[in-house]
Every structure is written in C-alpha cells, then in structure tokens.
Amino acid sequence: MFILAAQLRRVAGFRGLGRISLVAAVVAVACLVAFLAGAGIGFFVLFLAVVLAWLVLVAARASSVAS
C-alpha cells in the first residue's frame, strides 16, 4: 500500500487515491502491530476492514477510469 500510494499520485485518474492509500497503509500497519502485541482481536478485524475498504476503493476507481 505504501508503494502504491506513491505510484497512484503520478497517474492522473488515480491522483485522489494517493493520500487515501497512505492513510490506509498507516492505519493497517498500526492495527496489525497492535494485534500482534496482544491488544485484542478487534485490531485484526479493523486491519481486515481497512485493507478490504482500500481494495474496494481502488477497484471502483479502476472501473470508472476504464469505462
């Protein structure tokens, strides 16, 4: 997600997703670290939700750009 955040800023159709990707990556890493540190299963669920939401956003944008 970090690498794609930088790449998405360069592509005209995906420019708005660069910042969203960066924020999602930071939140996902923080949730994963918290889960691995033993903070609870809620952080793992939040990690999965953030990754899935990011994938849906990127797929929706790709679909609209391709149309």
N, C-alpha and C. Protein backbone atom coordinates (compact mmCIF):
# COMPACT_ATOMS: atom_id res chain seq x y z
N MET A 1 0.82 -1.19 0.00
CA MET A 1 0.00 0.00 0.00
C MET A 1 0.87 1.26 0.00
N PHE A 2 2.00 1.19 0.69
CA PHE A 2 2.88 2.36 0.71
C PHE A 2 3.44 2.64 -0.68
N ILE A 3 3.84 1.60 -1.37
CA ILE A 3 4.42 1.77 -2.70
C ILE A 3 3.35 2.27 -3.67
N LEU A 4 2.17 1.71 -3.58
CA LEU A 4 1.10 2.14 -4.48
C LEU A 4 0.65 3.56 -4.19
N ALA A 5 0.77 4.01 -2.96
CA ALA A 5 0.40 5.39 -2.64
C ALA A 5 1.26 6.37 -3.44
N ALA A 6 2.53 6.09 -3.54
CA ALA A 6 3.42 6.95 -4.32
C ALA A 6 3.13 6.84 -5.82
N GLN A 7 2.83 5.63 -6.27
CA GLN A 7 2.56 5.43 -7.70
C GLN A 7 1.22 6.04 -8.11
N LEU A 8 0.23 5.96 -7.24
CA LEU A 8 -1.10 6.47 -7.59
C LEU A 8 -1.11 7.99 -7.72
N ARG A 9 -0.21 8.66 -7.03
CA ARG A 9 -0.14 10.13 -7.15
C ARG A 9 0.32 10.57 -8.53
N ARG A 10 1.02 9.71 -9.24
CA ARG A 10 1.57 10.05 -10.56
C ARG A 10 0.58 9.83 -11.69
N VAL A 11 -0.44 8.99 -11.46
CA VAL A 11 -1.40 8.66 -12.50
C VAL A 11 -2.59 9.61 -12.38
N ALA A 12 -2.95 10.25 -13.48
CA ALA A 12 -3.99 11.29 -13.45
C ALA A 12 -5.33 10.77 -12.93
N GLY A 13 -5.77 9.60 -13.36
CA GLY A 13 -7.06 9.09 -12.96
C GLY A 13 -7.14 8.63 -11.51
N PHE A 14 -5.99 8.38 -10.90
CA PHE A 14 -5.94 7.85 -9.54
C PHE A 14 -5.34 8.84 -8.55
N ARG A 15 -5.15 10.08 -8.94
CA ARG A 15 -4.44 11.04 -8.11
C ARG A 15 -5.05 11.22 -6.73
N GLY A 16 -6.37 11.16 -6.62
CA GLY A 16 -7.03 11.34 -5.34
C GLY A 16 -6.83 10.18 -4.38
N LEU A 17 -6.43 9.03 -4.89
CA LEU A 17 -6.26 7.86 -4.03
C LEU A 17 -4.89 7.79 -3.38
N GLY A 18 -3.98 8.65 -3.76
CA GLY A 18 -2.64 8.61 -3.18
C GLY A 18 -2.63 8.85 -1.69
N ARG A 19 -3.30 9.90 -1.27
CA ARG A 19 -3.35 10.24 0.15
C ARG A 19 -4.17 9.21 0.93
N ILE A 20 -5.27 8.77 0.32
CA ILE A 20 -6.11 7.75 0.97
C ILE A 20 -5.32 6.46 1.17
N SER A 21 -4.53 6.09 0.18
CA SER A 21 -3.72 4.88 0.28
C SER A 21 -2.68 5.00 1.38
N LEU A 22 -2.09 6.15 1.50
CA LEU A 22 -1.08 6.36 2.54
C LEU A 22 -1.71 6.27 3.94
N VAL A 23 -2.85 6.91 4.12
CA VAL A 23 -3.54 6.86 5.41
C VAL A 23 -3.98 5.43 5.73
N ALA A 24 -4.53 4.74 4.73
CA ALA A 24 -4.96 3.36 4.94
C ALA A 24 -3.78 2.46 5.30
N ALA A 25 -2.65 2.68 4.67
CA ALA A 25 -1.47 1.87 4.97
C ALA A 25 -0.99 2.10 6.40
N VAL A 26 -0.98 3.33 6.84
CA VAL A 26 -0.54 3.63 8.21
C VAL A 26 -1.50 3.01 9.22
N VAL A 27 -2.81 3.14 8.98
CA VAL A 27 -3.79 2.56 9.89
C VAL A 27 -3.69 1.04 9.90
N ALA A 28 -3.50 0.43 8.72
CA ALA A 28 -3.40 -1.02 8.63
C ALA A 28 -2.17 -1.53 9.39
N VAL A 29 -1.04 -0.87 9.22
CA VAL A 29 0.17 -1.30 9.93
C VAL A 29 0.01 -1.12 11.44
N ALA A 30 -0.60 -0.02 11.85
CA ALA A 30 -0.80 0.22 13.28
C ALA A 30 -1.73 -0.85 13.87
N CYS A 31 -2.77 -1.20 13.16
CA CYS A 31 -3.70 -2.23 13.65
C CYS A 31 -3.01 -3.59 13.71
N LEU A 32 -2.21 -3.90 12.72
CA LEU A 32 -1.53 -5.19 12.71
C LEU A 32 -0.51 -5.27 13.85
N VAL A 33 0.22 -4.20 14.08
CA VAL A 33 1.19 -4.18 15.19
C VAL A 33 0.46 -4.31 16.53
N ALA A 34 -0.66 -3.61 16.67
CA ALA A 34 -1.42 -3.69 17.91
C ALA A 34 -1.95 -5.10 18.14
N PHE A 35 -2.43 -5.73 17.08
CA PHE A 35 -2.92 -7.10 17.21
C PHE A 35 -1.80 -8.06 17.60
N LEU A 36 -0.66 -7.94 16.94
CA LEU A 36 0.47 -8.82 17.25
C LEU A 36 1.03 -8.58 18.64
N ALA A 37 0.83 -7.37 19.17
CA ALA A 37 1.28 -7.06 20.52
C ALA A 37 0.32 -7.58 21.58
N GLY A 38 -0.82 -8.12 21.14
CA GLY A 38 -1.76 -8.71 22.08
C GLY A 38 -2.87 -7.79 22.52
N ALA A 39 -3.17 -6.77 21.74
CA ALA A 39 -4.19 -5.81 22.14
C ALA A 39 -5.62 -6.32 21.94
N GLY A 40 -5.79 -7.37 21.17
CA GLY A 40 -7.13 -7.93 21.01
C GLY A 40 -7.47 -8.20 19.56
N ILE A 41 -8.50 -9.01 19.37
CA ILE A 41 -8.92 -9.41 18.04
C ILE A 41 -9.57 -8.26 17.27
N GLY A 42 -10.06 -7.27 17.98
CA GLY A 42 -10.69 -6.12 17.33
C GLY A 42 -9.74 -5.40 16.39
N PHE A 43 -8.47 -5.35 16.74
CA PHE A 43 -7.50 -4.69 15.88
C PHE A 43 -7.26 -5.48 14.59
N PHE A 44 -7.34 -6.80 14.67
CA PHE A 44 -7.20 -7.61 13.46
C PHE A 44 -8.41 -7.43 12.56
N VAL A 45 -9.58 -7.36 13.14
CA VAL A 45 -10.80 -7.12 12.36
C VAL A 45 -10.73 -5.75 11.70
N LEU A 46 -10.25 -4.75 12.41
CA LEU A 46 -10.10 -3.42 11.84
C LEU A 46 -9.06 -3.42 10.72
N PHE A 47 -7.98 -4.16 10.91
CA PHE A 47 -6.97 -4.31 9.86
C PHE A 47 -7.59 -4.88 8.59
N LEU A 48 -8.36 -5.95 8.73
CA LEU A 48 -9.01 -6.56 7.57
C LEU A 48 -10.00 -5.61 6.93
N ALA A 49 -10.74 -4.86 7.73
CA ALA A 49 -11.71 -3.91 7.19
C ALA A 49 -11.03 -2.79 6.40
N VAL A 50 -9.91 -2.30 6.92
CA VAL A 50 -9.19 -1.22 6.23
C VAL A 50 -8.63 -1.72 4.90
N VAL A 51 -8.04 -2.89 4.90
CA VAL A 51 -7.47 -3.44 3.66
C VAL A 51 -8.57 -3.70 2.64
N LEU A 52 -9.68 -4.27 3.08
CA LEU A 52 -10.78 -4.55 2.17
C LEU A 52 -11.39 -3.26 1.62
N ALA A 53 -11.58 -2.27 2.46
CA ALA A 53 -12.12 -0.98 2.01
C ALA A 53 -11.19 -0.32 1.00
N TRP A 54 -9.89 -0.41 1.24
CA TRP A 54 -8.93 0.17 0.29
C TRP A 54 -9.00 -0.55 -1.05
N LEU A 55 -9.09 -1.88 -1.02
CA LEU A 55 -9.20 -2.64 -2.26
C LEU A 55 -10.46 -2.28 -3.03
N VAL A 56 -11.56 -2.11 -2.33
CA VAL A 56 -12.82 -1.73 -2.98
C VAL A 56 -12.71 -0.35 -3.60
N LEU A 57 -12.09 0.60 -2.90
CA LEU A 57 -11.93 1.95 -3.46
C LEU A 57 -11.06 1.94 -4.71
N VAL A 58 -9.96 1.22 -4.68
CA VAL A 58 -9.07 1.15 -5.85
C VAL A 58 -9.78 0.46 -7.01
N ALA A 59 -10.51 -0.61 -6.72
CA ALA A 59 -11.23 -1.31 -7.79
C ALA A 59 -12.33 -0.44 -8.38
N ALA A 60 -13.04 0.30 -7.55
CA ALA A 60 -14.09 1.19 -8.06
C ALA A 60 -13.50 2.28 -8.93
N ARG A 61 -12.38 2.84 -8.52
CA ARG A 61 -11.75 3.88 -9.32
C ARG A 61 -11.23 3.33 -10.63
N ALA A 62 -10.65 2.12 -10.58
CA ALA A 62 -10.16 1.48 -11.81
C ALA A 62 -11.31 1.20 -12.76
N SER A 63 -12.43 0.80 -12.21
CA SER A 63 -13.60 0.53 -13.04
C SER A 63 -14.13 1.80 -13.69
N SER A 64 -14.14 2.90 -12.96
CA SER A 64 -14.63 4.15 -13.53
C SER A 64 -13.66 4.74 -14.54
N VAL A 65 -12.37 4.54 -14.32
CA VAL A 65 -11.37 5.04 -15.28
C VAL A 65 -11.41 4.23 -16.56
N ALA A 66 -11.65 2.93 -16.43
CA ALA A 66 -11.66 2.05 -17.61
C ALA A 66 -12.90 2.29 -18.46
N SER A 67 -13.97 2.79 -17.90
CA SER A 67 -15.22 3.00 -18.65
C SER A 67 -15.15 4.21 -19.54
